[in-house]
């Protein structure tokens, strides 16, 4: 679900900010909808690591 939204390749800074906000929103929604606290933390860590790699240009989706 997150990956599909990132399929659009945006090279400019504004595009990356839009993607960062979208991922942050999705992580927040996942955390609210899932009662399992450990899973929420893992989802958040994984998403933020992926986001960091993407924004640094080390990984593409």
PDB file of N, CA and C in Angstrom:
ATOM      1  N   UNK A   1       0.820  -1.195   0.000  1.00  0.00           N
ATOM      2  CA  UNK A   1       0.000   0.000   0.000  1.00  0.00           C
ATOM      3  C   UNK A   1       0.858   1.250   0.000  1.00  0.00           C
ATOM      4  N   UNK A   2       1.875   1.311   0.852  1.00  0.00           N
ATOM      5  CA  UNK A   2       2.765   2.466   0.849  1.00  0.00           C
ATOM      6  C   UNK A   2       3.591   2.474  -0.423  1.00  0.00           C
ATOM      7  N   UNK A   3       4.063   1.294  -0.825  1.00  0.00           N
ATOM      8  CA  UNK A   3       4.930   1.190  -1.995  1.00  0.00           C
ATOM      9  C   UNK A   3       4.239   1.681  -3.266  1.00  0.00           C
ATOM     10  N   UNK A   4       2.954   1.384  -3.405  1.00  0.00           N
ATOM     11  CA  UNK A   4       2.236   1.781  -4.617  1.00  0.00           C
ATOM     12  C   UNK A   4       2.249   3.292  -4.785  1.00  0.00           C
ATOM     13  N   UNK A   5       2.137   4.012  -3.677  1.00  0.00           N
ATOM     14  CA  UNK A   5       2.074   5.465  -3.748  1.00  0.00           C
ATOM     15  C   UNK A   5       3.424   6.071  -4.074  1.00  0.00           C
ATOM     16  N   UNK A   6       4.490   5.316  -3.846  1.00  0.00           N
ATOM     17  CA  UNK A   6       5.830   5.839  -4.086  1.00  0.00           C
ATOM     18  C   UNK A   6       6.319   5.484  -5.485  1.00  0.00           C
ATOM     19  N   UNK A   7       5.537   4.720  -6.214  1.00  0.00           N
ATOM     20  CA  UNK A   7       5.946   4.305  -7.553  1.00  0.00           C
ATOM     21  C   UNK A   7       6.195   5.511  -8.464  1.00  0.00           C
ATOM     22  N   UNK A   8       5.537   6.606  -8.173  1.00  0.00           N
ATOM     23  CA  UNK A   8       5.761   7.825  -8.954  1.00  0.00           C
ATOM     24  C   UNK A   8       7.123   8.357  -8.539  1.00  0.00           C
ATOM     25  N   UNK A   9       8.013   8.465  -9.485  1.00  0.00           N
ATOM     26  CA  UNK A   9       9.363   8.936  -9.156  1.00  0.00           C
ATOM     27  C   UNK A   9       9.409  10.455  -9.211  1.00  0.00           C
ATOM     28  N   UNK A  10       9.734  11.034  -8.073  1.00  0.00           N
ATOM     29  CA  UNK A  10       9.856  12.481  -7.983  1.00  0.00           C
ATOM     30  C   UNK A  10      11.276  12.804  -7.541  1.00  0.00           C
ATOM     31  N   UNK A  11      11.975  13.582  -8.325  1.00  0.00           N
ATOM     32  CA  UNK A  11      13.362  13.873  -8.019  1.00  0.00           C
ATOM     33  C   UNK A  11      13.553  15.181  -7.257  1.00  0.00           C
ATOM     34  N   UNK A  12      12.562  16.049  -7.298  1.00  0.00           N
ATOM     35  CA  UNK A  12      12.745  17.345  -6.650  1.00  0.00           C
ATOM     36  C   UNK A  12      12.420  17.276  -5.151  1.00  0.00           C
ATOM     37  N   UNK A  13      12.875  18.265  -4.443  1.00  0.00           N
ATOM     38  CA  UNK A  13      12.726  18.313  -2.986  1.00  0.00           C
ATOM     39  C   UNK A  13      11.254  18.327  -2.582  1.00  0.00           C
ATOM     40  N   UNK A  14      10.447  19.085  -3.262  1.00  0.00           N
ATOM     41  CA  UNK A  14       9.026  19.176  -2.928  1.00  0.00           C
ATOM     42  C   UNK A  14       8.340  17.824  -3.070  1.00  0.00           C
ATOM     43  N   UNK A  15       8.694  17.091  -4.090  1.00  0.00           N
ATOM     44  CA  UNK A  15       8.119  15.771  -4.294  1.00  0.00           C
ATOM     45  C   UNK A  15       8.458  14.839  -3.141  1.00  0.00           C
ATOM     46  N   UNK A  16       9.690  14.899  -2.677  1.00  0.00           N
ATOM     47  CA  UNK A  16      10.108  14.057  -1.560  1.00  0.00           C
ATOM     48  C   UNK A  16       9.383  14.461  -0.277  1.00  0.00           C
ATOM     49  N   UNK A  17       9.130  15.738  -0.093  1.00  0.00           N
ATOM     50  CA  UNK A  17       8.393  16.193   1.086  1.00  0.00           C
ATOM     51  C   UNK A  17       6.956  15.680   1.051  1.00  0.00           C
ATOM     52  N   UNK A  18       6.352  15.685  -0.125  1.00  0.00           N
ATOM     53  CA  UNK A  18       4.988  15.168  -0.277  1.00  0.00           C
ATOM     54  C   UNK A  18       4.961  13.687   0.084  1.00  0.00           C
ATOM     55  N   UNK A  19       5.933  12.921  -0.423  1.00  0.00           N
ATOM     56  CA  UNK A  19       6.002  11.489  -0.127  1.00  0.00           C
ATOM     57  C   UNK A  19       6.227  11.268   1.367  1.00  0.00           C
ATOM     58  N   UNK A  20       7.099  12.065   1.967  1.00  0.00           N
ATOM     59  CA  UNK A  20       7.377  11.931   3.400  1.00  0.00           C
ATOM     60  C   UNK A  20       6.109  12.164   4.216  1.00  0.00           C
ATOM     61  N   UNK A  21       5.339  13.172   3.850  1.00  0.00           N
ATOM     62  CA  UNK A  21       4.087  13.448   4.569  1.00  0.00           C
ATOM     63  C   UNK A  21       3.091  12.308   4.390  1.00  0.00           C
ATOM     64  N   UNK A  22       3.009  11.760   3.185  1.00  0.00           N
ATOM     65  CA  UNK A  22       2.075  10.665   2.916  1.00  0.00           C
ATOM     66  C   UNK A  22       2.432   9.429   3.736  1.00  0.00           C
ATOM     67  N   UNK A  23       3.723   9.094   3.790  1.00  0.00           N
ATOM     68  CA  UNK A  23       4.149   7.929   4.565  1.00  0.00           C
ATOM     69  C   UNK A  23       3.868   8.163   6.046  1.00  0.00           C
ATOM     70  N   UNK A  24       4.152   9.354   6.530  1.00  0.00           N
ATOM     71  CA  UNK A  24       3.894   9.661   7.938  1.00  0.00           C
ATOM     72  C   UNK A  24       2.408   9.507   8.257  1.00  0.00           C
ATOM     73  N   UNK A  25       1.552   9.954   7.340  1.00  0.00           N
ATOM     74  CA  UNK A  25       0.102   9.815   7.529  1.00  0.00           C
ATOM     75  C   UNK A  25      -0.302   8.347   7.585  1.00  0.00           C
ATOM     76  N   UNK A  26       0.238   7.545   6.661  1.00  0.00           N
ATOM     77  CA  UNK A  26      -0.108   6.122   6.616  1.00  0.00           C
ATOM     78  C   UNK A  26       0.381   5.391   7.866  1.00  0.00           C
ATOM     79  N   UNK A  27       1.584   5.728   8.325  1.00  0.00           N
ATOM     80  CA  UNK A  27       2.105   5.099   9.542  1.00  0.00           C
ATOM     81  C   UNK A  27       1.191   5.438  10.718  1.00  0.00           C
ATOM     82  N   UNK A  28       0.765   6.685  10.797  1.00  0.00           N
ATOM     83  CA  UNK A  28      -0.121   7.108  11.882  1.00  0.00           C
ATOM     84  C   UNK A  28      -1.449   6.339  11.821  1.00  0.00           C
ATOM     85  N   UNK A  29      -2.007   6.191  10.630  1.00  0.00           N
ATOM     86  CA  UNK A  29      -3.255   5.452  10.473  1.00  0.00           C
ATOM     87  C   UNK A  29      -3.085   3.982  10.840  1.00  0.00           C
ATOM     88  N   UNK A  30      -1.974   3.381  10.432  1.00  0.00           N
ATOM     89  CA  UNK A  30      -1.713   1.982  10.771  1.00  0.00           C
ATOM     90  C   UNK A  30      -1.611   1.812  12.288  1.00  0.00           C
ATOM     91  N   UNK A  31      -0.949   2.759  12.938  1.00  0.00           N
ATOM     92  CA  UNK A  31      -0.783   2.680  14.382  1.00  0.00           C
ATOM     93  C   UNK A  31      -2.133   2.793  15.090  1.00  0.00           C
ATOM     94  N   UNK A  32      -3.021   3.626  14.573  1.00  0.00           N
ATOM     95  CA  UNK A  32      -4.336   3.814  15.198  1.00  0.00           C
ATOM     96  C   UNK A  32      -5.232   2.598  14.989  1.00  0.00           C
ATOM     97  N   UNK A  33      -5.116   1.966  13.837  1.00  0.00           N
ATOM     98  CA  UNK A  33      -6.049   0.892  13.506  1.00  0.00           C
ATOM     99  C   UNK A  33      -5.625  -0.467  14.064  1.00  0.00           C
ATOM    100  N   UNK A  34      -4.367  -0.605  14.486  1.00  0.00           N
ATOM    101  CA  UNK A  34      -3.875  -1.892  14.955  1.00  0.00           C
ATOM    102  C   UNK A  34      -3.649  -1.876  16.463  1.00  0.00           C
ATOM    103  N   UNK A  35      -4.338  -2.738  17.188  1.00  0.00           N
ATOM    104  CA  UNK A  35      -4.221  -2.729  18.648  1.00  0.00           C
ATOM    105  C   UNK A  35      -2.903  -3.320  19.174  1.00  0.00           C
ATOM    106  N   UNK A  36      -2.154  -4.014  18.335  1.00  0.00           N
ATOM    107  CA  UNK A  36      -0.916  -4.653  18.777  1.00  0.00           C
ATOM    108  C   UNK A  36       0.218  -3.635  18.814  1.00  0.00           C
ATOM    109  N   UNK A  37       0.637  -3.270  20.008  1.00  0.00           N
ATOM    110  CA  UNK A  37       1.622  -2.198  20.177  1.00  0.00           C
ATOM    111  C   UNK A  37       2.984  -2.522  19.546  1.00  0.00           C
ATOM    112  N   UNK A  38       3.474  -3.728  19.741  1.00  0.00           N
ATOM    113  CA  UNK A  38       4.776  -4.093  19.178  1.00  0.00           C
ATOM    114  C   UNK A  38       4.754  -4.017  17.655  1.00  0.00           C
ATOM    115  N   UNK A  39       3.684  -4.491  17.066  1.00  0.00           N
ATOM    116  CA  UNK A  39       3.567  -4.446  15.611  1.00  0.00           C
ATOM    117  C   UNK A  39       3.572  -2.995  15.131  1.00  0.00           C
ATOM    118  N   UNK A  40       2.881  -2.129  15.841  1.00  0.00           N
ATOM    119  CA  UNK A  40       2.848  -0.714  15.473  1.00  0.00           C
ATOM    120  C   UNK A  40       4.259  -0.134  15.451  1.00  0.00           C
ATOM    121  N   UNK A  41       5.026  -0.460  16.476  1.00  0.00           N
ATOM    122  CA  UNK A  41       6.387   0.065  16.554  1.00  0.00           C
ATOM    123  C   UNK A  41       7.253  -0.462  15.409  1.00  0.00           C
ATOM    124  N   UNK A  42       7.089  -1.733  15.063  1.00  0.00           N
ATOM    125  CA  UNK A  42       7.860  -2.318  13.960  1.00  0.00           C
ATOM    126  C   UNK A  42       7.481  -1.668  12.632  1.00  0.00           C
ATOM    127  N   UNK A  43       6.192  -1.449  12.431  1.00  0.00           N
ATOM    128  CA  UNK A  43       5.725  -0.807  11.192  1.00  0.00           C
ATOM    129  C   UNK A  43       6.336   0.588  11.083  1.00  0.00           C
ATOM    130  N   UNK A  44       6.313   1.304  12.183  1.00  0.00           N
ATOM    131  CA  UNK A  44       6.840   2.668  12.169  1.00  0.00           C
ATOM    132  C   UNK A  44       8.343   2.671  11.886  1.00  0.00           C
ATOM    133  N   UNK A  45       9.087   1.808  12.545  1.00  0.00           N
ATOM    134  CA  UNK A  45      10.539   1.747  12.335  1.00  0.00           C
ATOM    135  C   UNK A  45      10.859   1.395  10.884  1.00  0.00           C
ATOM    136  N   UNK A  46      10.195   0.382  10.357  1.00  0.00           N
ATOM    137  CA  UNK A  46      10.457  -0.053   8.984  1.00  0.00           C
ATOM    138  C   UNK A  46      10.123   1.061   7.993  1.00  0.00           C
ATOM    139  N   UNK A  47       8.998   1.719   8.191  1.00  0.00           N
ATOM    140  CA  UNK A  47       8.583   2.780   7.278  1.00  0.00           C
ATOM    141  C   UNK A  47       9.555   3.946   7.319  1.00  0.00           C
ATOM    142  N   UNK A  48       9.993   4.309   8.518  1.00  0.00           N
ATOM    143  CA  UNK A  48      10.904   5.436   8.635  1.00  0.00           C
ATOM    144  C   UNK A  48      12.275   5.115   8.057  1.00  0.00           C
ATOM    145  N   UNK A  49      12.728   3.875   8.226  1.00  0.00           N
ATOM    146  CA  UNK A  49      14.009   3.474   7.630  1.00  0.00           C
ATOM    147  C   UNK A  49      13.925   3.503   6.106  1.00  0.00           C
ATOM    148  N   UNK A  50      12.822   2.980   5.564  1.00  0.00           N
ATOM    149  CA  UNK A  50      12.623   3.007   4.110  1.00  0.00           C
ATOM    150  C   UNK A  50      12.580   4.445   3.601  1.00  0.00           C
ATOM    151  N   UNK A  51      11.874   5.289   4.339  1.00  0.00           N
ATOM    152  CA  UNK A  51      11.749   6.693   3.948  1.00  0.00           C
ATOM    153  C   UNK A  51      13.123   7.362   3.948  1.00  0.00           C
ATOM    154  N   UNK A  52      13.904   7.105   4.992  1.00  0.00           N
ATOM    155  CA  UNK A  52      15.236   7.715   5.081  1.00  0.00           C
ATOM    156  C   UNK A  52      16.108   7.281   3.906  1.00  0.00           C
ATOM    157  N   UNK A  53      16.106   5.986   3.599  1.00  0.00           N
ATOM    158  CA  UNK A  53      16.902   5.481   2.475  1.00  0.00           C
ATOM    159  C   UNK A  53      16.447   6.125   1.167  1.00  0.00           C
ATOM    160  N   UNK A  54      15.121   6.220   0.996  1.00  0.00           N
ATOM    161  CA  UNK A  54      14.581   6.791  -0.237  1.00  0.00           C
ATOM    162  C   UNK A  54      14.993   8.259  -0.380  1.00  0.00           C
ATOM    163  N   UNK A  55      14.842   9.008   0.700  1.00  0.00           N
ATOM    164  CA  UNK A  55      15.145  10.434   0.638  1.00  0.00           C
ATOM    165  C   UNK A  55      16.637  10.677   0.431  1.00  0.00           C
ATOM    166  N   UNK A  56      17.465   9.770   0.912  1.00  0.00           N
ATOM    167  CA  UNK A  56      18.906   9.900   0.699  1.00  0.00           C
ATOM    168  C   UNK A  56      19.308   9.408  -0.691  1.00  0.00           C
ATOM    169  N   UNK A  57      18.365   8.824  -1.408  1.00  0.00           N
ATOM    170  CA  UNK A  57      18.630   8.366  -2.760  1.00  0.00           C
ATOM    171  C   UNK A  57      19.330   7.020  -2.827  1.00  0.00           C
ATOM    172  N   UNK A  58      19.345   6.315  -1.711  1.00  0.00           N
ATOM    173  CA  UNK A  58      20.031   5.024  -1.675  1.00  0.00           C
ATOM    174  C   UNK A  58      19.142   3.891  -2.158  1.00  0.00           C
ATOM    175  N   UNK A  59      17.857   4.136  -2.199  1.00  0.00           N
ATOM    176  CA  UNK A  59      16.930   3.060  -2.558  1.00  0.00           C
ATOM    177  C   UNK A  59      15.806   3.653  -3.384  1.00  0.00           C
ATOM    178  N   UNK A  60      15.333   2.887  -4.351  1.00  0.00           N
ATOM    179  CA  UNK A  60      14.177   3.338  -5.114  1.00  0.00           C
ATOM    180  C   UNK A  60      13.098   2.272  -5.022  1.00  0.00           C
ATOM    181  N   UNK A  61      11.881   2.711  -5.128  1.00  0.00           N
ATOM    182  CA  UNK A  61      10.755   1.786  -4.989  1.00  0.00           C
ATOM    183  C   UNK A  61      10.148   1.498  -6.332  1.00  0.00           C
TER     184      UNK A  61
END
